[in-house]
Amino acid sequence: MTGIVLAPELPLEEVFFLAFLCYLTMVVITGARLVLDRRGDRGSDR
């Protein structure tokens, strides 16, 4: 780690990790919705 702290016990990396965590979650959720919607459309065609 860089050793840079933004507050006591709060390293710089934590902010970037939280951004990654939130972004990953939203990409997974929207990606899963896209896959499920496409599967549902195929089911309707069938």
ModelCIF file with pLDDT and N, C-alpha, C, O atoms, coordinates in Angstrom:
data_MODEL
#
_entry.id   MODEL 
#
_entity.id                         1 
_entity.type                       polymer 
_entity.pdbx_number_of_molecules   1 
#
_entity_poly.entity_id                      1 
_entity_poly.type                           'polypeptide(L)' 
_entity_poly.nstd_linkage                   no 
_entity_poly.nstd_monomer                   no 
_entity_poly.pdbx_seq_one_letter_code       MTGIVLAPELPLEEVFFLAFLCYLTMVVITGARLVLDRRGDRGSDR 
_entity_poly.pdbx_seq_one_letter_code_can   MTGIVLAPELPLEEVFFLAFLCYLTMVVITGARLVLDRRGDRGSDR 
_entity_poly.pdbx_strand_id                 A 
#
loop_
_entity_poly_seq.entity_id 
_entity_poly_seq.num 
_entity_poly_seq.mon_id 
_entity_poly_seq.hetero 
1 1  MET n 
1 2  THR n 
1 3  GLY n 
1 4  ILE n 
1 5  VAL n 
1 6  LEU n 
1 7  ALA n 
1 8  PRO n 
1 9  GLU n 
1 10 LEU n 
1 11 PRO n 
1 12 LEU n 
1 13 GLU n 
1 14 GLU n 
1 15 VAL n 
1 16 PHE n 
1 17 PHE n 
1 18 LEU n 
1 19 ALA n 
1 20 PHE n 
1 21 LEU n 
1 22 CYS n 
1 23 TYR n 
1 24 LEU n 
1 25 THR n 
1 26 MET n 
1 27 VAL n 
1 28 VAL n 
1 29 ILE n 
1 30 THR n 
1 31 GLY n 
1 32 ALA n 
1 33 ARG n 
1 34 LEU n 
1 35 VAL n 
1 36 LEU n 
1 37 ASP n 
1 38 ARG n 
1 39 ARG n 
1 40 GLY n 
1 41 ASP n 
1 42 ARG n 
1 43 GLY n 
1 44 SER n 
1 45 ASP n 
1 46 ARG n 
#
_struct_asym.id          A 
_struct_asym.entity_id   1 
#
loop_
_ma_qa_metric.id 
_ma_qa_metric.mode 
_ma_qa_metric.name 
_ma_qa_metric.software_group_id 
_ma_qa_metric.type 
1 global pLDDT . pLDDT 
2 local  pLDDT . pLDDT 
#
_ma_qa_metric_global.metric_id      1 
_ma_qa_metric_global.metric_value   91.98 
_ma_qa_metric_global.model_id       1 
_ma_qa_metric_global.ordinal_id     1 
#
loop_
_ma_qa_metric_local.label_asym_id 
_ma_qa_metric_local.label_comp_id 
_ma_qa_metric_local.label_seq_id 
_ma_qa_metric_local.metric_id 
_ma_qa_metric_local.metric_value 
_ma_qa_metric_local.model_id 
_ma_qa_metric_local.ordinal_id 
A MET 1  2 93.00 1 1  
A THR 2  2 94.00 1 2  
A GLY 3  2 92.00 1 3  
A ILE 4  2 94.00 1 4  
A VAL 5  2 95.00 1 5  
A LEU 6  2 95.00 1 6  
A ALA 7  2 94.00 1 7  
A PRO 8  2 92.00 1 8  
A GLU 9  2 94.00 1 9  
A LEU 10 2 95.00 1 10 
A PRO 11 2 95.00 1 11 
A LEU 12 2 96.00 1 12 
A GLU 13 2 96.00 1 13 
A GLU 14 2 97.00 1 14 
A VAL 15 2 98.00 1 15 
A PHE 16 2 98.00 1 16 
A PHE 17 2 98.00 1 17 
A LEU 18 2 98.00 1 18 
A ALA 19 2 98.00 1 19 
A PHE 20 2 98.00 1 20 
A LEU 21 2 98.00 1 21 
A CYS 22 2 98.00 1 22 
A TYR 23 2 98.00 1 23 
A LEU 24 2 98.00 1 24 
A THR 25 2 98.00 1 25 
A MET 26 2 98.00 1 26 
A VAL 27 2 98.00 1 27 
A VAL 28 2 98.00 1 28 
A ILE 29 2 97.00 1 29 
A THR 30 2 97.00 1 30 
A GLY 31 2 97.00 1 31 
A ALA 32 2 97.00 1 32 
A ARG 33 2 96.00 1 33 
A LEU 34 2 94.00 1 34 
A VAL 35 2 95.00 1 35 
A LEU 36 2 94.00 1 36 
A ASP 37 2 93.00 1 37 
A ARG 38 2 91.00 1 38 
A ARG 39 2 90.00 1 39 
A GLY 40 2 87.00 1 40 
A ASP 41 2 81.00 1 41 
A ARG 42 2 75.00 1 42 
A GLY 43 2 67.00 1 43 
A SER 44 2 65.00 1 44 
A ASP 45 2 61.00 1 45 
A ARG 46 2 60.00 1 46 
#
loop_
_atom_site.group_PDB 
_atom_site.id 
_atom_site.type_symbol 
_atom_site.label_atom_id 
_atom_site.label_alt_id 
_atom_site.label_comp_id 
_atom_site.label_asym_id 
_atom_site.label_entity_id 
_atom_site.label_seq_id 
_atom_site.pdbx_PDB_ins_code 
_atom_site.Cartn_x 
_atom_site.Cartn_y 
_atom_site.Cartn_z 
_atom_site.occupancy 
_atom_site.B_iso_or_equiv 
_atom_site.pdbx_formal_charge 
_atom_site.auth_seq_id 
_atom_site.auth_comp_id 
_atom_site.auth_asym_id 
_atom_site.auth_atom_id 
_atom_site.pdbx_PDB_model_num 
ATOM 1   N N  . MET A 1 1  ? 0.826   -1.192  0.000   1.00 93.00 ? 1  MET A N  1 
ATOM 2   C CA . MET A 1 1  ? 0.000   0.000   0.000   1.00 93.00 ? 1  MET A CA 1 
ATOM 3   C C  . MET A 1 1  ? 0.870   1.256   0.000   1.00 93.00 ? 1  MET A C  1 
ATOM 4   O O  . MET A 1 1  ? 2.048   1.212   0.357   1.00 93.00 ? 1  MET A O  1 
ATOM 5   N N  . THR A 1 2  ? 0.264   2.381   -0.409  1.00 94.00 ? 2  THR A N  1 
ATOM 6   C CA . THR A 1 2  ? 1.023   3.626   -0.528  1.00 94.00 ? 2  THR A CA 1 
ATOM 7   C C  . THR A 1 2  ? 1.425   4.197   0.819   1.00 94.00 ? 2  THR A C  1 
ATOM 8   O O  . THR A 1 2  ? 2.432   4.899   0.914   1.00 94.00 ? 2  THR A O  1 
ATOM 9   N N  . GLY A 1 3  ? 0.662   3.913   1.856   1.00 92.00 ? 3  GLY A N  1 
ATOM 10  C CA . GLY A 1 3  ? 0.944   4.498   3.164   1.00 92.00 ? 3  GLY A CA 1 
ATOM 11  C C  . GLY A 1 3  ? 0.252   5.848   3.352   1.00 92.00 ? 3  GLY A C  1 
ATOM 12  O O  . GLY A 1 3  ? 0.340   6.447   4.425   1.00 92.00 ? 3  GLY A O  1 
ATOM 13  N N  . ILE A 1 4  ? -0.431  6.326   2.319   1.00 94.00 ? 4  ILE A N  1 
ATOM 14  C CA . ILE A 1 4  ? -1.156  7.593   2.403   1.00 94.00 ? 4  ILE A CA 1 
ATOM 15  C C  . ILE A 1 4  ? -2.503  7.325   3.077   1.00 94.00 ? 4  ILE A C  1 
ATOM 16  O O  . ILE A 1 4  ? -3.258  6.449   2.654   1.00 94.00 ? 4  ILE A O  1 
ATOM 17  N N  . VAL A 1 5  ? -2.791  8.090   4.128   1.00 95.00 ? 5  VAL A N  1 
ATOM 18  C CA . VAL A 1 5  ? -4.065  7.945   4.819   1.00 95.00 ? 5  VAL A CA 1 
ATOM 19  C C  . VAL A 1 5  ? -4.861  9.239   4.676   1.00 95.00 ? 5  VAL A C  1 
ATOM 20  O O  . VAL A 1 5  ? -4.313  10.334  4.801   1.00 95.00 ? 5  VAL A O  1 
ATOM 21  N N  . LEU A 1 6  ? -6.156  9.102   4.413   1.00 95.00 ? 6  LEU A N  1 
ATOM 22  C CA . LEU A 1 6  ? -7.041  10.257  4.254   1.00 95.00 ? 6  LEU A CA 1 
ATOM 23  C C  . LEU A 1 6  ? -7.613  10.705  5.590   1.00 95.00 ? 6  LEU A C  1 
ATOM 24  O O  . LEU A 1 6  ? -7.956  11.872  5.776   1.00 95.00 ? 6  LEU A O  1 
ATOM 25  N N  . ALA A 1 7  ? -7.707  9.774   6.499   1.00 94.00 ? 7  ALA A N  1 
ATOM 26  C CA . ALA A 1 7  ? -8.148  9.999   7.873   1.00 94.00 ? 7  ALA A CA 1 
ATOM 27  C C  . ALA A 1 7  ? -7.502  8.888   8.695   1.00 94.00 ? 7  ALA A C  1 
ATOM 28  O O  . ALA A 1 7  ? -6.994  7.922   8.127   1.00 94.00 ? 7  ALA A O  1 
ATOM 29  N N  . PRO A 1 8  ? -7.512  9.008   10.009  1.00 92.00 ? 8  PRO A N  1 
ATOM 30  C CA . PRO A 1 8  ? -6.929  7.921   10.799  1.00 92.00 ? 8  PRO A CA 1 
ATOM 31  C C  . PRO A 1 8  ? -7.565  6.571   10.425  1.00 92.00 ? 8  PRO A C  1 
ATOM 32  O O  . PRO A 1 8  ? -8.787  6.423   10.446  1.00 92.00 ? 8  PRO A O  1 
ATOM 33  N N  . GLU A 1 9  ? -6.741  5.620   10.094  1.00 94.00 ? 9  GLU A N  1 
ATOM 34  C CA . GLU A 1 9  ? -7.148  4.256   9.736   1.00 94.00 ? 9  GLU A CA 1 
ATOM 35  C C  . GLU A 1 9  ? -7.875  4.150   8.388   1.00 94.00 ? 9  GLU A C  1 
ATOM 36  O O  . GLU A 1 9  ? -8.436  3.097   8.083   1.00 94.00 ? 9  GLU A O  1 
ATOM 37  N N  . LEU A 1 10 ? -7.878  5.216   7.574   1.00 95.00 ? 10 LEU A N  1 
ATOM 38  C CA . LEU A 1 10 ? -8.550  5.198   6.270   1.00 95.00 ? 10 LEU A CA 1 
ATOM 39  C C  . LEU A 1 10 ? -7.516  5.439   5.166   1.00 95.00 ? 10 LEU A C  1 
ATOM 40  O O  . LEU A 1 10 ? -7.185  6.585   4.860   1.00 95.00 ? 10 LEU A O  1 
ATOM 41  N N  . PRO A 1 11 ? -7.008  4.356   4.572   1.00 95.00 ? 11 PRO A N  1 
ATOM 42  C CA . PRO A 1 11 ? -5.989  4.508   3.536   1.00 95.00 ? 11 PRO A CA 1 
ATOM 43  C C  . PRO A 1 11 ? -6.587  5.011   2.218   1.00 95.00 ? 11 PRO A C  1 
ATOM 44  O O  . PRO A 1 11 ? -7.773  4.818   1.948   1.00 95.00 ? 11 PRO A O  1 
ATOM 45  N N  . LEU A 1 12 ? -5.773  5.639   1.427   1.00 96.00 ? 12 LEU A N  1 
ATOM 46  C CA . LEU A 1 12 ? -6.158  6.139   0.108   1.00 96.00 ? 12 LEU A CA 1 
ATOM 47  C C  . LEU A 1 12 ? -6.789  5.036   -0.739  1.00 96.00 ? 12 LEU A C  1 
ATOM 48  O O  . LEU A 1 12 ? -7.779  5.271   -1.432  1.00 96.00 ? 12 LEU A O  1 
ATOM 49  N N  . GLU A 1 13 ? -6.225  3.854   -0.685  1.00 96.00 ? 13 GLU A N  1 
ATOM 50  C CA . GLU A 1 13 ? -6.704  2.733   -1.498  1.00 96.00 ? 13 GLU A CA 1 
ATOM 51  C C  . GLU A 1 13 ? -8.163  2.377   -1.214  1.00 96.00 ? 13 GLU A C  1 
ATOM 52  O O  . GLU A 1 13 ? -8.850  1.844   -2.085  1.00 96.00 ? 13 GLU A O  1 
ATOM 53  N N  . GLU A 1 14 ? -8.637  2.666   -0.011  1.00 97.00 ? 14 GLU A N  1 
ATOM 54  C CA . GLU A 1 14 ? -10.010 2.310   0.366   1.00 97.00 ? 14 GLU A CA 1 
ATOM 55  C C  . GLU A 1 14 ? -11.033 3.014   -0.520  1.00 97.00 ? 14 GLU A C  1 
ATOM 56  O O  . GLU A 1 14 ? -12.034 2.410   -0.906  1.00 97.00 ? 14 GLU A O  1 
ATOM 57  N N  . VAL A 1 15 ? -10.796 4.264   -0.842  1.00 98.00 ? 15 VAL A N  1 
ATOM 58  C CA . VAL A 1 15 ? -11.733 5.011   -1.682  1.00 98.00 ? 15 VAL A CA 1 
ATOM 59  C C  . VAL A 1 15 ? -11.818 4.371   -3.070  1.00 98.00 ? 15 VAL A C  1 
ATOM 60  O O  . VAL A 1 15 ? -12.909 4.209   -3.616  1.00 98.00 ? 15 VAL A O  1 
ATOM 61  N N  . PHE A 1 16 ? -10.675 4.012   -3.630  1.00 98.00 ? 16 PHE A N  1 
ATOM 62  C CA . PHE A 1 16 ? -10.667 3.379   -4.947  1.00 98.00 ? 16 PHE A CA 1 
ATOM 63  C C  . PHE A 1 16 ? -11.274 1.976   -4.894  1.00 98.00 ? 16 PHE A C  1 
ATOM 64  O O  . PHE A 1 16 ? -11.952 1.555   -5.832  1.00 98.00 ? 16 PHE A O  1 
ATOM 65  N N  . PHE A 1 17 ? -11.034 1.263   -3.810  1.00 98.00 ? 17 PHE A N  1 
ATOM 66  C CA . PHE A 1 17 ? -11.634 -0.054  -3.656  1.00 98.00 ? 17 PHE A CA 1 
ATOM 67  C C  . PHE A 1 17 ? -13.159 0.055   -3.570  1.00 98.00 ? 17 PHE A C  1 
ATOM 68  O O  . PHE A 1 17 ? -13.874 -0.744  -4.177  1.00 98.00 ? 17 PHE A O  1 
ATOM 69  N N  . LEU A 1 18 ? -13.651 1.029   -2.828  1.00 98.00 ? 18 LEU A N  1 
ATOM 70  C CA . LEU A 1 18 ? -15.104 1.209   -2.711  1.00 98.00 ? 18 LEU A CA 1 
ATOM 71  C C  . LEU A 1 18 ? -15.715 1.599   -4.053  1.00 98.00 ? 18 LEU A C  1 
ATOM 72  O O  . LEU A 1 18 ? -16.808 1.145   -4.390  1.00 98.00 ? 18 LEU A O  1 
ATOM 73  N N  . ALA A 1 19 ? -15.028 2.426   -4.813  1.00 98.00 ? 19 ALA A N  1 
ATOM 74  C CA . ALA A 1 19 ? -15.506 2.778   -6.150  1.00 98.00 ? 19 ALA A CA 1 
ATOM 75  C C  . ALA A 1 19 ? -15.555 1.531   -7.027  1.00 98.00 ? 19 ALA A C  1 
ATOM 76  O O  . ALA A 1 19 ? -16.528 1.311   -7.749  1.00 98.00 ? 19 ALA A O  1 
ATOM 77  N N  . PHE A 1 20 ? -14.503 0.716   -6.964  1.00 98.00 ? 20 PHE A N  1 
ATOM 78  C CA . PHE A 1 20 ? -14.485 -0.531  -7.727  1.00 98.00 ? 20 PHE A CA 1 
ATOM 79  C C  . PHE A 1 20 ? -15.628 -1.449  -7.287  1.00 98.00 ? 20 PHE A C  1 
ATOM 80  O O  . PHE A 1 20 ? -16.327 -2.016  -8.127  1.00 98.00 ? 20 PHE A O  1 
ATOM 81  N N  . LEU A 1 21 ? -15.815 -1.594  -5.996  1.00 98.00 ? 21 LEU A N  1 
ATOM 82  C CA . LEU A 1 21 ? -16.865 -2.473  -5.468  1.00 98.00 ? 21 LEU A CA 1 
ATOM 83  C C  . LEU A 1 21 ? -18.250 -2.032  -5.948  1.00 98.00 ? 21 LEU A C  1 
ATOM 84  O O  . LEU A 1 21 ? -19.048 -2.860  -6.388  1.00 98.00 ? 21 LEU A O  1 
ATOM 85  N N  . CYS A 1 22 ? -18.530 -0.753  -5.865  1.00 98.00 ? 22 CYS A N  1 
ATOM 86  C CA . CYS A 1 22 ? -19.838 -0.237  -6.302  1.00 98.00 ? 22 CYS A CA 1 
ATOM 87  C C  . CYS A 1 22 ? -19.997 -0.394  -7.813  1.00 98.00 ? 22 CYS A C  1 
ATOM 88  O O  . CYS A 1 22 ? -21.066 -0.782  -8.284  1.00 98.00 ? 22 CYS A O  1 
ATOM 89  N N  . TYR A 1 23 ? -18.957 -0.098  -8.566  1.00 98.00 ? 23 TYR A N  1 
ATOM 90  C CA . TYR A 1 23 ? -19.016 -0.201  -10.019 1.00 98.00 ? 23 TYR A CA 1 
ATOM 91  C C  . TYR A 1 23 ? -19.201 -1.661  -10.445 1.00 98.00 ? 23 TYR A C  1 
ATOM 92  O O  . TYR A 1 23 ? -20.027 -1.964  -11.306 1.00 98.00 ? 23 TYR A O  1 
ATOM 93  N N  . LEU A 1 24 ? -18.435 -2.547  -9.842  1.00 98.00 ? 24 LEU A N  1 
ATOM 94  C CA . LEU A 1 24 ? -18.567 -3.978  -10.122 1.00 98.00 ? 24 LEU A CA 1 
ATOM 95  C C  . LEU A 1 24 ? -19.990 -4.460  -9.848  1.00 98.00 ? 24 LEU A C  1 
ATOM 96  O O  . LEU A 1 24 ? -20.571 -5.189  -10.653 1.00 98.00 ? 24 LEU A O  1 
ATOM 97  N N  . THR A 1 25 ? -20.543 -4.052  -8.718  1.00 98.00 ? 25 THR A N  1 
ATOM 98  C CA . THR A 1 25 ? -21.896 -4.466  -8.367  1.00 98.00 ? 25 THR A CA 1 
ATOM 99  C C  . THR A 1 25 ? -22.898 -4.010  -9.419  1.00 98.00 ? 25 THR A C  1 
ATOM 100 O O  . THR A 1 25 ? -23.767 -4.782  -9.825  1.00 98.00 ? 25 THR A O  1 
ATOM 101 N N  . MET A 1 26 ? -22.784 -2.769  -9.858  1.00 98.00 ? 26 MET A N  1 
ATOM 102 C CA . MET A 1 26 ? -23.739 -2.261  -10.846 1.00 98.00 ? 26 MET A CA 1 
ATOM 103 C C  . MET A 1 26 ? -23.548 -2.911  -12.212 1.00 98.00 ? 26 MET A C  1 
ATOM 104 O O  . MET A 1 26 ? -24.523 -3.139  -12.928 1.00 98.00 ? 26 MET A O  1 
ATOM 105 N N  . VAL A 1 27 ? -22.312 -3.210  -12.580 1.00 98.00 ? 27 VAL A N  1 
ATOM 106 C CA . VAL A 1 27 ? -22.072 -3.899  -13.851 1.00 98.00 ? 27 VAL A CA 1 
ATOM 107 C C  . VAL A 1 27 ? -22.637 -5.320  -13.794 1.00 98.00 ? 27 VAL A C  1 
ATOM 108 O O  . VAL A 1 27 ? -23.231 -5.792  -14.764 1.00 98.00 ? 27 VAL A O  1 
ATOM 109 N N  . VAL A 1 28 ? -22.453 -5.997  -12.670 1.00 98.00 ? 28 VAL A N  1 
ATOM 110 C CA . VAL A 1 28 ? -23.001 -7.354  -12.522 1.00 98.00 ? 28 VAL A CA 1 
ATOM 111 C C  . VAL A 1 28 ? -24.531 -7.324  -12.545 1.00 98.00 ? 28 VAL A C  1 
ATOM 112 O O  . VAL A 1 28 ? -25.156 -8.147  -13.214 1.00 98.00 ? 28 VAL A O  1 
ATOM 113 N N  . ILE A 1 29 ? -25.129 -6.389  -11.826 1.00 97.00 ? 29 ILE A N  1 
ATOM 114 C CA . ILE A 1 29 ? -26.596 -6.310  -11.784 1.00 97.00 ? 29 ILE A CA 1 
ATOM 115 C C  . ILE A 1 29 ? -27.165 -5.990  -13.164 1.00 97.00 ? 29 ILE A C  1 
ATOM 116 O O  . ILE A 1 29 ? -28.089 -6.659  -13.625 1.00 97.00 ? 29 ILE A O  1 
ATOM 117 N N  . THR A 1 30 ? -26.615 -4.969  -13.825 1.00 97.00 ? 30 THR A N  1 
ATOM 118 C CA . THR A 1 30 ? -27.153 -4.605  -15.139 1.00 97.00 ? 30 THR A CA 1 
ATOM 119 C C  . THR A 1 30 ? -26.832 -5.677  -16.178 1.00 97.00 ? 30 THR A C  1 
ATOM 120 O O  . THR A 1 30 ? -27.626 -5.906  -17.090 1.00 97.00 ? 30 THR A O  1 
ATOM 121 N N  . GLY A 1 31 ? -25.689 -6.329  -16.051 1.00 97.00 ? 31 GLY A N  1 
ATOM 122 C CA . GLY A 1 31 ? -25.350 -7.425  -16.958 1.00 97.00 ? 31 GLY A CA 1 
ATOM 123 C C  . GLY A 1 31 ? -26.272 -8.613  -16.769 1.00 97.00 ? 31 GLY A C  1 
ATOM 124 O O  . GLY A 1 31 ? -26.716 -9.220  -17.744 1.00 97.00 ? 31 GLY A O  1 
ATOM 125 N N  . ALA A 1 32 ? -26.563 -8.949  -15.514 1.00 97.00 ? 32 ALA A N  1 
ATOM 126 C CA . ALA A 1 32 ? -27.487 -10.055 -15.240 1.00 97.00 ? 32 ALA A CA 1 
ATOM 127 C C  . ALA A 1 32 ? -28.879 -9.727  -15.769 1.00 97.00 ? 32 ALA A C  1 
ATOM 128 O O  . ALA A 1 32 ? -29.558 -10.590 -16.325 1.00 97.00 ? 32 ALA A O  1 
ATOM 129 N N  . ARG A 1 33 ? -29.297 -8.489  -15.596 1.00 96.00 ? 33 ARG A N  1 
ATOM 130 C CA . ARG A 1 33 ? -30.619 -8.090  -16.107 1.00 96.00 ? 33 ARG A CA 1 
ATOM 131 C C  . ARG A 1 33 ? -30.655 -8.223  -17.625 1.00 96.00 ? 33 ARG A C  1 
ATOM 132 O O  . ARG A 1 33 ? -31.649 -8.686  -18.184 1.00 96.00 ? 33 ARG A O  1 
ATOM 133 N N  . LEU A 1 34 ? -29.577 -7.819  -18.295 1.00 94.00 ? 34 LEU A N  1 
ATOM 134 C CA . LEU A 1 34 ? -29.510 -7.926  -19.749 1.00 94.00 ? 34 LEU A CA 1 
ATOM 135 C C  . LEU A 1 34 ? -29.599 -9.383  -20.199 1.00 94.00 ? 34 LEU A C  1 
ATOM 136 O O  . LEU A 1 34 ? -30.336 -9.703  -21.132 1.00 94.00 ? 34 LEU A O  1 
ATOM 137 N N  . VAL A 1 35 ? -28.857 -10.259 -19.543 1.00 95.00 ? 35 VAL A N  1 
ATOM 138 C CA . VAL A 1 35 ? -28.882 -11.686 -19.887 1.00 95.00 ? 35 VAL A CA 1 
ATOM 139 C C  . VAL A 1 35 ? -30.272 -12.268 -19.638 1.00 95.00 ? 35 VAL A C  1 
ATOM 140 O O  . VAL A 1 35 ? -30.798 -12.994 -20.481 1.00 95.00 ? 35 VAL A O  1 
ATOM 141 N N  . LEU A 1 36 ? -30.862 -11.959 -18.502 1.00 94.00 ? 36 LEU A N  1 
ATOM 142 C CA . LEU A 1 36 ? -32.187 -12.502 -18.188 1.00 94.00 ? 36 LEU A CA 1 
ATOM 143 C C  . LEU A 1 36 ? -33.253 -11.960 -19.136 1.00 94.00 ? 36 LEU A C  1 
ATOM 144 O O  . LEU A 1 36 ? -34.163 -12.691 -19.529 1.00 94.00 ? 36 LEU A O  1 
ATOM 145 N N  . ASP A 1 37 ? -33.148 -10.688 -19.505 1.00 93.00 ? 37 ASP A N  1 
ATOM 146 C CA . ASP A 1 37 ? -34.099 -10.123 -20.465 1.00 93.00 ? 37 ASP A CA 1 
ATOM 147 C C  . ASP A 1 37 ? -33.980 -10.813 -21.815 1.00 93.00 ? 37 ASP A C  1 
ATOM 148 O O  . ASP A 1 37 ? -34.987 -11.112 -22.457 1.00 93.00 ? 37 ASP A O  1 
ATOM 149 N N  . ARG A 1 38 ? -32.758 -11.061 -22.241 1.00 91.00 ? 38 ARG A N  1 
ATOM 150 C CA . ARG A 1 38 ? -32.553 -11.736 -23.531 1.00 91.00 ? 38 ARG A CA 1 
ATOM 151 C C  . ARG A 1 38 ? -33.059 -13.177 -23.479 1.00 91.00 ? 38 ARG A C  1 
ATOM 152 O O  . ARG A 1 38 ? -33.630 -13.672 -24.451 1.00 91.00 ? 38 ARG A O  1 
ATOM 153 N N  . ARG A 1 39 ? -32.852 -13.843 -22.357 1.00 90.00 ? 39 ARG A N  1 
ATOM 154 C CA . ARG A 1 39 ? -33.370 -15.212 -22.225 1.00 90.00 ? 39 ARG A CA 1 
ATOM 155 C C  . ARG A 1 39 ? -34.888 -15.205 -22.236 1.00 90.00 ? 39 ARG A C  1 
ATOM 156 O O  . ARG A 1 39 ? -35.515 -16.094 -22.811 1.00 90.00 ? 39 ARG A O  1 
ATOM 157 N N  . GLY A 1 40 ? -35.481 -14.195 -21.597 1.00 87.00 ? 40 GLY A N  1 
ATOM 158 C CA . GLY A 1 40 ? -36.933 -14.076 -21.578 1.00 87.00 ? 40 GLY A CA 1 
ATOM 159 C C  . GLY A 1 40 ? -37.484 -13.820 -22.964 1.00 87.00 ? 40 GLY A C  1 
ATOM 160 O O  . GLY A 1 40 ? -38.536 -14.351 -23.322 1.00 87.00 ? 40 GLY A O  1 
ATOM 161 N N  . ASP A 1 41 ? -36.782 -13.005 -23.758 1.00 81.00 ? 41 ASP A N  1 
ATOM 162 C CA . ASP A 1 41 ? -37.219 -12.751 -25.132 1.00 81.00 ? 41 ASP A CA 1 
ATOM 163 C C  . ASP A 1 41 ? -37.167 -14.030 -25.952 1.00 81.00 ? 41 ASP A C  1 
ATOM 164 O O  . ASP A 1 41 ? -38.070 -14.295 -26.746 1.00 81.00 ? 41 ASP A O  1 
ATOM 165 N N  . ARG A 1 42 ? -36.131 -14.817 -25.768 1.00 75.00 ? 42 ARG A N  1 
ATOM 166 C CA . ARG A 1 42 ? -36.027 -16.090 -26.490 1.00 75.00 ? 42 ARG A CA 1 
ATOM 167 C C  . ARG A 1 42 ? -37.147 -17.027 -26.086 1.00 75.00 ? 42 ARG A C  1 
ATOM 168 O O  . ARG A 1 42 ? -37.704 -17.742 -26.918 1.00 75.00 ? 42 ARG A O  1 
ATOM 169 N N  . GLY A 1 43 ? -37.473 -17.018 -24.800 1.00 67.00 ? 43 GLY A N  1 
ATOM 170 C CA . GLY A 1 43 ? -38.575 -17.852 -24.322 1.00 67.00 ? 43 GLY A CA 1 
ATOM 171 C C  . GLY A 1 43 ? -39.883 -17.431 -24.948 1.00 67.00 ? 43 GLY A C  1 
ATOM 172 O O  . GLY A 1 43 ? -40.708 -18.280 -25.286 1.00 67.00 ? 43 GLY A O  1 
ATOM 173 N N  . SER A 1 44 ? -40.089 -16.136 -25.109 1.00 65.00 ? 44 SER A N  1 
ATOM 174 C CA . SER A 1 44 ? -41.315 -15.641 -25.749 1.00 65.00 ? 44 SER A CA 1 
ATOM 175 C C  . SER A 1 44 ? -41.365 -16.078 -27.197 1.00 65.00 ? 44 SER A C  1 
ATOM 176 O O  . SER A 1 44 ? -42.422 -16.479 -27.682 1.00 65.00 ? 44 SER A O  1 
ATOM 177 N N  . ASP A 1 45 ? -40.222 -16.007 -27.913 1.00 61.00 ? 45 ASP A N  1 
ATOM 178 C CA . ASP A 1 45 ? -40.168 -16.456 -29.305 1.00 61.00 ? 45 ASP A CA 1 
ATOM 179 C C  . ASP A 1 45 ? -40.482 -17.941 -29.389 1.00 61.00 ? 45 ASP A C  1 
ATOM 180 O O  . ASP A 1 45 ? -41.206 -18.376 -30.285 1.00 61.00 ? 45 ASP A O  1 
ATOM 181 N N  . ARG A 1 46 ? -39.944 -18.713 -28.469 1.00 60.00 ? 46 ARG A N  1 
ATOM 182 C CA . ARG A 1 46 ? -40.179 -20.148 -28.456 1.00 60.00 ? 46 ARG A CA 1 
ATOM 183 C C  . ARG A 1 46 ? -41.657 -20.433 -28.220 1.00 60.00 ? 46 ARG A C  1 
ATOM 184 O O  . ARG A 1 46 ? -42.062 -21.595 -28.175 1.00 60.00 ? 46 ARG A O  1 
#
